[in-house]
């Protein structure tokens, strides 16, 4: 499987300003596989160590953090040469021994020619507990496969090229074909093992079994967070979040019987573990959007649409048979999909807008920035006349040139109403903040 992050890794490797790189992301999104593949294809040799599976290697990072001595010890223990400029040193599950994270700064200062990548699924839990000077590390985030990557994994290369181009109206035949593939993605999702299982077996049932295994492994991970969080509350909250995609978060409604601080702690932990994306409300009067992000008004989406399906225990046969993708699970699946694609295209810079007035409320599903322009986004079927919140947004923010409406209908520009109707499958292309993504 090819991933968008591969191009970013190559760019990092060639950069004159290169620093040790930390690749973040939830468990089982493919970090180890993709970094190992990158190392084998782009370097003379890959030197890989896993600090979770091999705790005996922790001793190498216990003493003085001298990069040359660390490399010398690793060469001896791993029986592998480490040559700056020719080797990739890959430290996996680095959060298992936080002092190894501290060592990365010294690699930058004393061995700048050596390519070093570290990865970890729970790395955010460690980063805020150790100190290292700002500007010594670089970061990349790996998400589950987006829809375009899913198509590529399933051999639909021509469809991939269509969807990497700017949105346009496609023929009815192609439009229908891609919507059918998207329906499959709604239920399989983008976790690599699920995608491979479905590709090789053609069985939703087997893909759903992998979903269950992944969720079980996440729940087992929760024990590692004790005593900082209530595990029972954590289990309830992750399911409740999946069932409330698209809704503003009210802590007390996520887990009955638990206090607000307990639920908040569980929620924040799931965000740190990259199992859910926090989406704050903004007041988009100008850029950057994050400057007006609210800490009190927010909603969330799950890390993966397939895992969302499994957590919600949907009636698959009923939901899959619904004619419009916008109707599946009362529209929440489509909103999850658009949010997930935006998280990929916008590098997790994802917001929404909510106005609470005495007379009425209004909410726009997402707000992003494309080419330095603020773009409100709605995920809706139907005509332009039904987009009341979008029109209220335009009235409130005259600096907004227009908005996107994602649905199952073909591509169409309604310039008089400042709206562009875009098929769901074009979300990545339409919302990417920069050009250059290739597969």
Protein backbone atom coordinates (compact mmCIF):
# COMPACT_ATOMS: atom_id res chain seq x y z
CA UNK A 1 0.00 0.00 0.00
CA UNK A 2 1.21 3.48 -0.86
CA UNK A 3 0.59 6.29 1.60
CA UNK A 4 0.67 10.07 1.27
CA UNK A 5 3.17 10.27 4.12
CA UNK A 6 5.82 8.59 1.96
CA UNK A 7 6.25 11.78 -0.09
CA UNK A 8 6.59 13.78 3.12
CA UNK A 9 9.22 11.36 4.45
CA UNK A 10 11.26 11.73 1.25
CA UNK A 11 11.02 15.50 1.52
CA UNK A 12 12.26 15.30 5.13
CA UNK A 13 15.18 13.04 4.16
CA UNK A 14 16.41 15.46 1.48
CA UNK A 15 15.93 18.66 3.48
CA UNK A 16 19.02 20.66 4.45
CA UNK A 17 17.16 21.69 7.62
CA UNK A 18 16.44 18.10 8.60
CA UNK A 19 16.05 17.27 12.29
CA UNK A 20 15.21 14.00 14.05
CA UNK A 21 11.65 13.14 13.08
CA UNK A 22 8.86 11.88 15.34
CA UNK A 23 5.99 10.12 13.57
CA UNK A 24 2.82 10.18 15.65
CA UNK A 25 -0.51 8.42 15.25
CA UNK A 26 -2.89 5.96 16.86
CA UNK A 27 -1.95 2.33 17.29
CA UNK A 28 -2.24 0.13 14.19
CA UNK A 29 -2.42 2.91 11.60
CA UNK A 30 0.75 1.56 9.97
CA UNK A 31 3.59 3.66 11.42
CA UNK A 32 6.08 0.81 11.82
CA UNK A 33 5.32 -0.67 8.40
CA UNK A 34 5.60 2.59 6.48
CA UNK A 35 8.82 3.77 8.18
CA UNK A 36 10.43 0.36 7.73
CA UNK A 37 9.42 0.36 4.04
CA UNK A 38 10.76 3.90 3.65
CA UNK A 39 14.09 2.91 5.23
CA UNK A 40 14.53 -0.20 3.11
CA UNK A 41 13.75 1.65 -0.13
CA UNK A 42 15.74 4.84 0.44
CA UNK A 43 18.82 3.95 2.50
CA UNK A 44 21.74 1.55 2.24
CA UNK A 45 20.68 0.01 5.52
CA UNK A 46 17.91 0.28 8.11
CA UNK A 47 18.80 0.08 11.80
CA UNK A 48 15.62 -0.61 13.73
CA UNK A 49 15.00 -1.05 17.44
CA UNK A 50 11.72 -1.46 19.33
CA UNK A 51 11.94 -0.14 22.90
CA UNK A 52 8.65 -1.74 23.91
CA UNK A 53 9.48 -5.28 22.78
CA UNK A 54 13.14 -5.07 23.80
CA UNK A 55 13.41 -3.38 27.21
CA UNK A 56 17.02 -4.56 27.51
CA UNK A 57 17.90 -1.83 24.97
CA UNK A 58 16.82 0.82 27.48
CA UNK A 59 20.25 0.55 29.12
CA UNK A 60 21.84 2.10 26.04
CA UNK A 61 19.96 5.33 26.79
CA UNK A 62 20.41 5.28 30.58
CA UNK A 63 23.85 6.80 30.88
CA UNK A 64 25.35 9.88 29.29
CA UNK A 65 23.36 10.72 26.17
CA UNK A 66 26.31 10.72 23.79
CA UNK A 67 25.00 10.00 20.25
CA UNK A 68 28.26 8.48 19.03
CA UNK A 69 28.44 6.18 22.03
CA UNK A 70 24.75 5.24 21.61
CA UNK A 71 25.37 4.37 17.96
CA UNK A 72 28.48 2.37 18.85
CA UNK A 73 26.54 0.36 21.44
CA UNK A 74 23.65 -0.20 19.01
CA UNK A 75 26.02 -1.41 16.29
CA UNK A 76 27.40 -3.99 18.68
CA UNK A 77 24.04 -5.16 20.07
CA UNK A 78 22.16 -5.16 16.76
CA UNK A 79 25.11 -6.27 14.61
CA UNK A 80 24.40 -3.52 12.10
CA UNK A 81 26.44 -0.57 10.86
CA UNK A 82 25.19 2.98 11.43
CA UNK A 83 26.66 5.30 8.82
CA UNK A 84 25.57 8.96 8.71
CA UNK A 85 24.13 9.81 5.31
CA UNK A 86 23.60 6.15 4.39
CA UNK A 87 21.72 4.62 7.34
CA UNK A 88 18.28 5.26 8.79
CA UNK A 89 18.11 4.83 12.56
CA UNK A 90 14.51 3.97 13.45
CA UNK A 91 13.55 3.93 17.14
CA UNK A 92 10.07 2.41 17.41
CA UNK A 93 7.76 2.72 20.45
CA UNK A 94 10.15 5.31 21.83
CA UNK A 95 7.64 6.34 24.51
CA UNK A 96 8.48 3.09 26.34
CA UNK A 97 11.68 4.78 27.58
CA UNK A 98 11.28 8.59 27.69
CA UNK A 99 15.00 9.27 28.09
CA UNK A 100 15.45 8.05 24.52
CA UNK A 101 13.25 10.96 23.44
CA UNK A 102 15.56 13.34 25.27
CA UNK A 103 18.49 11.79 23.40
CA UNK A 104 17.05 12.92 20.07
CA UNK A 105 18.08 16.53 20.71
CA UNK A 106 21.71 15.44 20.98
CA UNK A 107 21.53 13.58 17.68
CA UNK A 108 20.44 16.86 16.11
CA UNK A 109 23.26 18.81 17.74
CA UNK A 110 26.12 16.31 17.48
CA UNK A 111 25.27 13.95 14.58
CA UNK A 112 23.18 16.11 12.19
CA UNK A 113 24.08 13.97 9.15
CA UNK A 114 22.44 10.86 10.60
CA UNK A 115 18.81 10.31 9.60
CA UNK A 116 16.82 9.48 12.76
CA UNK A 117 13.11 8.65 12.96
CA UNK A 118 11.22 7.80 16.13
CA UNK A 119 7.64 6.57 16.36
CA UNK A 120 5.17 5.78 19.08
CA UNK A 121 1.45 5.33 19.53
CA UNK A 122 1.22 6.90 22.97
CA UNK A 123 4.01 9.38 22.47
CA UNK A 124 1.92 12.43 23.42
CA UNK A 125 1.66 11.06 26.97
CA UNK A 126 5.43 11.35 27.30
CA UNK A 127 6.09 14.56 25.37
CA UNK A 128 4.36 16.72 27.95
CA UNK A 129 6.32 15.11 30.80
CA UNK A 130 9.86 15.65 29.51
CA UNK A 131 11.68 18.82 28.54
CA UNK A 132 13.67 19.38 25.38
CA UNK A 133 14.49 22.62 23.60
CA UNK A 134 11.98 23.80 21.02
CA UNK A 135 13.25 23.55 17.45
CA UNK A 136 15.26 20.35 17.88
CA UNK A 137 12.66 17.93 16.47
CA UNK A 138 10.22 17.64 13.57
CA UNK A 139 6.83 15.89 13.62
CA UNK A 140 4.59 14.07 11.16
CA UNK A 141 1.20 12.49 11.81
CA UNK A 142 0.03 9.24 10.22
CA UNK A 143 -3.74 8.77 10.01
CA UNK A 144 -5.64 5.71 8.74
CA UNK A 145 -5.88 5.36 4.96
CA UNK A 146 -7.97 8.08 3.36
CA UNK A 147 -10.43 7.20 0.61
CA UNK A 148 -7.90 7.85 -2.18
CA UNK A 149 -5.36 5.59 -0.48
CA UNK A 150 -8.11 2.97 -0.06
CA UNK A 151 -8.82 3.09 -3.80
CA UNK A 152 -5.13 2.71 -4.55
CA UNK A 153 -4.83 -0.28 -2.23
CA UNK A 154 -7.72 -1.92 -4.09
CA UNK A 155 -6.17 -1.37 -7.52
CA UNK A 156 -8.37 1.47 -8.78
CA UNK A 157 -5.52 3.59 -10.09
CA UNK A 158 -7.56 5.51 -12.69
CA UNK A 159 -10.08 6.52 -10.04
CA UNK A 160 -7.16 7.67 -7.86
CA UNK A 161 -5.90 9.99 -10.58
CA UNK A 162 -9.41 11.42 -11.05
CA UNK A 163 -9.73 12.19 -7.33
CA UNK A 164 -6.30 13.77 -6.98
CA UNK A 165 -7.23 16.30 -9.67
CA UNK A 166 -9.33 19.41 -8.92
CA UNK A 167 -13.04 18.56 -8.52
CA UNK A 168 -15.08 18.49 -11.71
CA UNK A 169 -18.30 16.96 -12.99
CA UNK A 170 -17.79 13.31 -13.91
CA UNK A 171 -19.90 11.11 -16.14
CA UNK A 172 -22.85 9.33 -14.53
CA UNK A 173 -21.01 6.01 -14.95
CA UNK A 174 -17.83 7.13 -13.18
CA UNK A 175 -19.80 9.06 -10.55
CA UNK A 176 -21.82 5.95 -9.71
CA UNK A 177 -18.76 3.69 -9.66
CA UNK A 178 -16.83 5.90 -7.23
CA UNK A 179 -19.89 6.26 -4.96
CA UNK A 180 -20.11 2.46 -4.78
CA UNK A 181 -16.45 2.28 -3.75
CA UNK A 182 -17.09 4.98 -1.18
CA UNK A 183 -19.97 2.99 0.28
CA UNK A 184 -17.52 0.13 0.85
CA UNK A 185 -15.05 2.50 2.47
CA UNK A 186 -17.76 3.77 4.84
CA UNK A 187 -17.93 0.29 6.38
CA UNK A 188 -14.38 -1.03 5.93
CA UNK A 189 -12.63 2.19 6.90
CA UNK A 190 -8.93 2.90 6.60
CA UNK A 191 -7.14 0.85 9.24
CA UNK A 192 -4.46 -0.95 7.17
CA UNK A 193 -5.19 -4.48 8.41
CA UNK A 194 -8.91 -4.02 7.72
CA UNK A 195 -8.22 -2.73 4.21
CA UNK A 196 -5.91 -5.64 3.42
CA UNK A 197 -8.33 -8.18 4.87
CA UNK A 198 -11.21 -6.81 2.81
CA UNK A 199 -9.08 -6.53 -0.33
CA UNK A 200 -7.86 -10.11 -0.08
CA UNK A 201 -11.14 -11.71 1.04
CA UNK A 202 -13.87 -9.44 -0.28
CA UNK A 203 -15.63 -10.10 3.01
CA UNK A 204 -17.13 -7.35 5.16
CA UNK A 205 -17.53 -9.91 7.94
CA UNK A 206 -13.80 -10.58 8.08
CA UNK A 207 -13.03 -6.85 8.01
CA UNK A 208 -15.47 -6.33 10.89
CA UNK A 209 -13.68 -9.04 12.87
CA UNK A 210 -10.46 -7.03 12.51
CA UNK A 211 -12.32 -3.93 13.73
CA UNK A 212 -13.31 -5.83 16.87
CA UNK A 213 -9.75 -6.99 17.44
CA UNK A 214 -8.39 -3.46 17.11
CA UNK A 215 -11.00 -2.04 19.50
CA UNK A 216 -10.24 -4.79 22.00
CA UNK A 217 -6.54 -3.94 21.81
CA UNK A 218 -7.35 -0.27 22.40
CA UNK A 219 -9.43 -1.16 25.45
CA UNK A 220 -6.55 -3.29 26.78
CA UNK A 221 -4.28 -0.27 26.29
CA UNK A 222 -6.52 1.71 28.61
CA UNK A 223 -5.11 -0.22 31.58
CA UNK A 224 -1.79 1.51 30.92
CA UNK A 225 -3.38 4.84 31.76
CA UNK A 226 -4.39 3.86 35.31
CA UNK A 227 -4.53 5.33 37.87
CA UNK A 228 -4.78 8.63 36.00
CA UNK A 229 -8.17 7.80 34.50
CA UNK A 230 -11.18 5.62 35.26
CA UNK A 231 -11.04 2.66 32.84
CA UNK A 232 -14.78 1.99 33.02
CA UNK A 233 -15.50 5.62 32.21
CA UNK A 234 -12.97 5.50 29.36
CA UNK A 235 -14.69 2.48 27.80
CA UNK A 236 -18.08 4.19 27.96
CA UNK A 237 -16.77 7.48 26.59
CA UNK A 238 -15.14 6.00 23.48
CA UNK A 239 -18.40 4.28 22.53
CA UNK A 240 -20.45 7.38 23.31
CA UNK A 241 -18.18 9.55 21.16
CA UNK A 242 -18.69 7.21 18.20
CA UNK A 243 -22.45 7.48 18.67
CA UNK A 244 -22.32 11.29 18.87
CA UNK A 245 -20.23 12.21 15.85
CA UNK A 246 -21.52 15.56 14.60
CA UNK A 247 -22.95 16.65 17.95
CA UNK A 248 -21.53 19.26 20.29
CA UNK A 249 -19.85 17.53 23.22
CA UNK A 250 -21.48 17.72 26.65
CA UNK A 251 -19.31 15.79 29.08
CA UNK A 252 -22.12 14.65 31.38
CA UNK A 253 -23.99 13.13 28.44
CA UNK A 254 -20.99 10.98 27.45
CA UNK A 255 -21.02 8.77 30.53
CA UNK A 256 -23.88 8.75 33.02
CA UNK A 257 -22.91 8.21 36.63
CA UNK A 258 -19.46 9.82 36.36
CA UNK A 259 -18.41 13.32 37.37
CA UNK A 260 -17.62 16.02 34.85
CA UNK A 261 -13.86 16.06 35.71
CA UNK A 262 -13.65 12.25 35.37
CA UNK A 263 -15.31 12.29 31.94
CA UNK A 264 -13.18 15.25 30.82
CA UNK A 265 -10.02 13.39 31.79
CA UNK A 266 -11.16 10.33 29.80
CA UNK A 267 -11.99 12.48 26.78
CA UNK A 268 -8.64 14.30 26.84
CA UNK A 269 -6.83 10.98 27.10
CA UNK A 270 -8.59 9.66 23.97
CA UNK A 271 -7.54 12.81 22.13
CA UNK A 272 -3.93 12.33 23.28
CA UNK A 273 -4.04 8.71 22.13
CA UNK A 274 -5.22 9.94 18.69
CA UNK A 275 -8.39 7.85 18.91
CA UNK A 276 -10.58 10.91 18.48
CA UNK A 277 -10.11 14.34 16.89
CA UNK A 278 -11.13 17.35 18.96
CA UNK A 279 -12.89 19.93 16.75
CA UNK A 280 -13.28 23.33 18.45
CA UNK A 281 -15.78 26.00 17.50
CA UNK A 282 -14.26 29.15 16.02
CA UNK A 283 -15.29 32.73 15.33
CA UNK A 284 -13.87 33.04 11.79
CA UNK A 285 -13.44 36.80 11.56
CA UNK A 286 -9.87 36.33 10.32
CA UNK A 287 -6.79 34.12 10.18
CA UNK A 288 -5.48 32.01 11.76
CA UNK A 289 -8.68 30.19 12.63
CA UNK A 290 -7.11 28.59 15.66
CA UNK A 291 -6.68 31.98 17.32
CA UNK A 292 -10.42 32.06 18.08
CA UNK A 293 -10.81 28.36 18.93
CA UNK A 294 -13.10 27.73 21.89
CA UNK A 295 -12.05 25.53 24.77
CA UNK A 296 -15.65 25.11 25.89
CA UNK A 297 -17.58 24.54 22.68
CA UNK A 298 -16.40 21.60 20.58
CA UNK A 299 -17.37 18.34 18.91
CA UNK A 300 -15.33 15.35 17.77
CA UNK A 301 -14.91 12.65 15.17
CA UNK A 302 -13.37 9.21 15.56
CA UNK A 303 -9.96 8.21 14.24
CA UNK A 304 -11.54 5.92 11.64
CA UNK A 305 -14.96 5.52 10.05
CA UNK A 306 -14.75 1.71 10.09
CA UNK A 307 -14.03 1.68 13.83
CA UNK A 308 -16.90 4.12 14.32
CA UNK A 309 -19.22 1.66 12.58
CA UNK A 310 -18.08 -1.15 14.84
CA UNK A 311 -18.29 0.87 18.07
CA UNK A 312 -21.85 1.95 17.22
CA UNK A 313 -22.87 -1.69 16.58
CA UNK A 314 -24.86 -0.60 13.54
CA UNK A 315 -27.32 -2.82 11.74
CA UNK A 316 -24.99 -3.20 8.76
CA UNK A 317 -27.42 -4.79 6.32
CA UNK A 318 -29.99 -2.05 6.93
CA UNK A 319 -27.57 0.88 6.85
CA UNK A 320 -25.62 -0.43 3.84
CA UNK A 321 -28.81 -0.77 1.80
CA UNK A 322 -29.87 2.87 2.25
CA UNK A 323 -29.86 4.53 -1.20
CA UNK A 324 -28.08 7.78 -0.24
CA UNK A 325 -24.78 7.80 1.65
CA UNK A 326 -26.03 10.91 3.47
CA UNK A 327 -28.75 8.80 5.14
CA UNK A 328 -26.47 6.18 6.66
CA UNK A 329 -26.62 6.29 10.46
CA UNK A 330 -28.72 9.46 10.27
CA UNK A 331 -26.02 11.29 8.31
CA UNK A 332 -23.33 10.82 10.96
CA UNK A 333 -21.25 8.49 8.78
CA UNK A 334 -21.00 11.11 6.03
CA UNK A 335 -20.01 13.78 8.55
CA UNK A 336 -17.39 11.43 10.02
CA UNK A 337 -16.04 10.74 6.54
CA UNK A 338 -15.73 14.42 5.60
CA UNK A 339 -14.11 15.23 8.94
CA UNK A 340 -11.67 12.35 8.57
CA UNK A 341 -10.69 13.45 5.05
CA UNK A 342 -10.24 17.05 6.21
CA UNK A 343 -8.03 15.87 9.10
CA UNK A 344 -5.83 14.24 6.46
CA UNK A 345 -5.83 17.07 3.92
CA UNK A 346 -5.51 19.88 6.49
CA UNK A 347 -3.01 18.13 8.79
CA UNK A 348 -5.52 18.08 11.67
CA UNK A 349 -6.39 21.79 11.38
CA UNK A 350 -10.14 21.28 11.59
CA UNK A 351 -12.83 23.50 13.13
CA UNK A 352 -16.56 24.21 13.01
CA UNK A 353 -18.85 27.20 13.63
CA UNK A 354 -21.76 27.44 16.04
CA UNK A 355 -23.88 30.49 16.77
CA UNK A 356 -26.12 30.54 19.81
CA UNK A 357 -28.66 33.36 19.61
CA UNK A 358 -31.79 33.96 21.67
CA UNK A 359 -34.05 33.56 18.67
CA UNK A 360 -32.31 30.68 16.88
CA UNK A 361 -29.21 28.55 16.62
CA UNK A 362 -27.04 27.96 13.57
CA UNK A 363 -24.15 25.59 12.99
CA UNK A 364 -21.82 24.92 10.06
CA UNK A 365 -20.33 21.41 10.09
CA UNK A 366 -16.71 22.40 9.40
CA UNK A 367 -14.63 25.51 8.74
CA UNK A 368 -11.23 25.28 7.03
CA UNK A 369 -8.70 27.42 5.17
CA UNK A 370 -7.82 26.78 1.52
CA UNK A 371 -5.41 29.13 -0.29
CA UNK A 372 -5.70 31.57 2.64
CA UNK A 373 -9.48 31.73 2.20
CA UNK A 374 -11.96 30.77 4.91
CA UNK A 375 -14.28 28.03 3.64
CA UNK A 376 -17.42 26.91 5.54
CA UNK A 377 -18.47 23.33 4.85
CA UNK A 378 -21.82 21.59 5.13
CA UNK A 379 -22.47 17.86 4.68
CA UNK A 380 -26.02 17.76 3.38
CA UNK A 381 -28.29 16.45 0.66
CA UNK A 382 -30.95 18.64 -0.89
CA UNK A 383 -31.11 22.08 -2.45
CA UNK A 384 -29.26 25.30 -1.67
CA UNK A 385 -32.40 26.75 -0.15
CA UNK A 386 -32.21 24.30 2.77
CA UNK A 387 -28.76 25.51 3.85
CA UNK A 388 -30.00 28.06 6.38
CA UNK A 389 -26.91 27.93 8.61
CA UNK A 390 -24.59 28.43 5.65
CA UNK A 391 -26.46 31.57 4.58
CA UNK A 392 -26.40 32.90 8.16
CA UNK A 393 -22.64 32.30 8.12
CA UNK A 394 -22.31 34.36 4.93
CA UNK A 395 -24.37 37.15 6.50
CA UNK A 396 -22.16 37.19 9.60
CA UNK A 397 -18.79 36.89 7.86
CA UNK A 398 -18.63 39.04 4.75
CA UNK A 399 -14.95 38.11 4.31
CA UNK A 400 -16.01 34.59 3.22
CA UNK A 401 -16.07 34.25 -0.57
CA UNK A 402 -18.03 31.01 -0.67
CA UNK A 403 -18.70 27.60 0.83
CA UNK A 404 -18.62 23.90 0.00
CA UNK A 405 -21.56 21.52 0.28
CA UNK A 406 -20.60 17.82 0.21
CA UNK A 407 -23.26 15.34 -0.87
CA UNK A 408 -23.93 12.47 -3.26
CA UNK A 409 -25.00 14.78 -6.08
CA UNK A 410 -22.67 15.64 -9.01
CA UNK A 411 -20.29 18.60 -8.96
CA UNK A 412 -21.99 21.95 -9.52
CA UNK A 413 -21.13 25.62 -8.90
CA UNK A 414 -23.93 27.96 -7.81
CA UNK A 415 -22.00 31.22 -8.08
CA UNK A 416 -25.04 33.38 -7.35
CA UNK A 417 -25.39 31.77 -3.92
CA UNK A 418 -21.62 31.45 -3.26
CA UNK A 419 -21.99 27.66 -3.05
CA UNK A 420 -20.13 24.79 -4.67
CA UNK A 421 -21.77 21.37 -4.49
CA UNK A 422 -19.05 18.72 -4.40
CA UNK A 423 -19.41 14.92 -4.38
CA UNK A 424 -18.27 13.39 -1.09
CA UNK A 425 -15.49 11.48 -2.82
CA UNK A 426 -13.73 14.72 -3.86
CA UNK A 427 -13.30 15.94 -0.28
CA UNK A 428 -9.54 15.37 -0.04
CA UNK A 429 -8.79 17.17 -3.29
CA UNK A 430 -11.19 20.04 -2.56
CA UNK A 431 -9.96 20.71 0.98
CA UNK A 432 -6.21 20.16 0.86
CA UNK A 433 -4.32 23.16 2.14
CA UNK A 434 -1.41 22.70 -0.23
CA UNK A 435 -0.61 21.04 -3.54
CA UNK A 436 1.75 18.17 -4.22
CA UNK A 437 0.09 15.05 -2.83
CA UNK A 438 0.96 12.05 -4.98
CA UNK A 439 0.53 8.30 -4.87
